[in-house]
C-alpha atoms as a PDB file:
ATOM      1  CA  MET A   1     151.539  76.207  78.313  1.00  0.00           C
ATOM      2  CA  SER A   2     150.589  72.948  76.627  1.00  0.00           C
ATOM      3  CA  LEU A   3     147.839  70.522  77.489  1.00  0.00           C
ATOM      4  CA  THR A   4     148.639  67.990  80.171  1.00  0.00           C
ATOM      5  CA  ASP A   5     148.611  64.306  79.248  1.00  0.00           C
ATOM      6  CA  ALA A   6     145.360  63.904  81.212  1.00  0.00           C
ATOM      7  CA  GLN A   7     143.693  66.748  79.283  1.00  0.00           C
ATOM      8  CA  TRP A   8     144.915  65.338  75.983  1.00  0.00           C
ATOM      9  CA  ALA A   9     143.587  61.865  76.873  1.00  0.00           C
ATOM     10  CA  ARG A  10     140.085  63.380  77.052  1.00  0.00           C
ATOM     11  CA  ILE A  11     140.362  65.401  73.830  1.00  0.00           C
ATOM     12  CA  GLU A  12     142.164  62.980  71.513  1.00  0.00           C
ATOM     13  CA  PRO A  13     139.719  60.033  71.163  1.00  0.00           C
ATOM     14  CA  PRO A  14     137.012  61.767  69.063  1.00  0.00           C
ATOM     15  CA  LEU A  15     139.522  63.316  66.635  1.00  0.00           C
ATOM     16  CA  PRO A  16     139.781  61.711  63.182  1.00  0.00           C
ATOM     17  CA  ASP A  17     142.652  59.373  62.434  1.00  0.00           C
ATOM     18  CA  ARG A  18     145.901  61.021  61.414  1.00  0.00           C
ATOM     19  CA  THR A  19     146.175  59.379  58.010  1.00  0.00           C
ATOM     20  CA  PRO A  20     147.554  61.908  55.523  1.00  0.00           C
ATOM     21  CA  ARG A  21     144.948  62.941  52.984  1.00  0.00           C
ATOM     22  CA  ARG A  22     145.063  64.793  49.697  1.00  0.00           C
ATOM     23  CA  GLY A  23     144.849  68.537  49.650  1.00  0.00           C
ATOM     24  CA  GLY A  24     146.570  69.509  52.838  1.00  0.00           C
ATOM     25  CA  ARG A  25     149.529  69.069  55.102  1.00  0.00           C
ATOM     26  CA  TRP A  26     149.151  66.543  57.855  1.00  0.00           C
ATOM     27  CA  ARG A  27     149.821  67.971  61.298  1.00  0.00           C
ATOM     28  CA  ASP A  28     149.983  66.391  64.694  1.00  0.00           C
ATOM     29  CA  HIS A  29     146.595  66.928  66.354  1.00  0.00           C
ATOM     30  CA  ARG A  30     148.122  67.754  69.724  1.00  0.00           C
ATOM     31  CA  GLU A  31     150.385  70.388  68.172  1.00  0.00           C
ATOM     32  CA  VAL A  32     147.378  72.010  66.501  1.00  0.00           C
ATOM     33  CA  VAL A  33     145.241  71.992  69.661  1.00  0.00           C
ATOM     34  CA  ASP A  34     148.126  73.434  71.702  1.00  0.00           C
ATOM     35  CA  ALA A  35     148.669  76.165  69.082  1.00  0.00           C
ATOM     36  CA  ILE A  36     144.977  77.095  69.055  1.00  0.00           C
ATOM     37  CA  ALA A  37     144.892  77.254  72.853  1.00  0.00           C
ATOM     38  CA  PHE A  38     148.037  79.420  72.901  1.00  0.00           C
ATOM     39  CA  LYS A  39     146.562  81.775  70.285  1.00  0.00           C
ATOM     40  CA  PHE A  40     143.356  82.282  72.264  1.00  0.00           C
ATOM     41  CA  ARG A  41     145.134  82.661  75.617  1.00  0.00           C
ATOM     42  CA  THR A  42     147.582  85.257  74.317  1.00  0.00           C
ATOM     43  CA  GLY A  43     145.660  86.938  71.500  1.00  0.00           C
ATOM     44  CA  THR A  44     148.686  86.635  69.239  1.00  0.00           C
ATOM     45  CA  GLN A  45     148.363  86.431  65.484  1.00  0.00           C
ATOM     46  CA  ARG A  46     148.811  83.061  63.821  1.00  0.00           C
ATOM     47  CA  ALA A  47     151.976  84.254  62.082  1.00  0.00           C
ATOM     48  CA  HIS A  48     153.545  85.075  65.463  1.00  0.00           C
ATOM     49  CA  LEU A  49     153.071  81.682  67.109  1.00  0.00           C
ATOM     50  CA  PRO A  50     156.269  80.285  68.658  1.00  0.00           C
ATOM     51  CA  GLU A  51     158.208  77.797  66.514  1.00  0.00           C
ATOM     52  CA  ARG A  52     157.275  74.927  68.847  1.00  0.00           C
ATOM     53  CA  TYR A  53     153.804  74.996  67.260  1.00  0.00           C
ATOM     54  CA  GLY A  54     155.089  74.439  63.748  1.00  0.00           C
ATOM     55  CA  ASN A  55     154.972  76.547  60.622  1.00  0.00           C
ATOM     56  CA  TRP A  56     151.590  78.200  60.120  1.00  0.00           C
END
């Protein structure tokens, strides 16, 4: 289950801009937040996240 658009509208504004920076891979903030929420709801390991959350 992903965040609704209304939930995302409340979370997104304080996040830093999505400009790629040195030293790491840029990821879509919403994808990351959804993946973190899924991990904590299910207790799954990061390596076992569904593909829809990207390659961790």
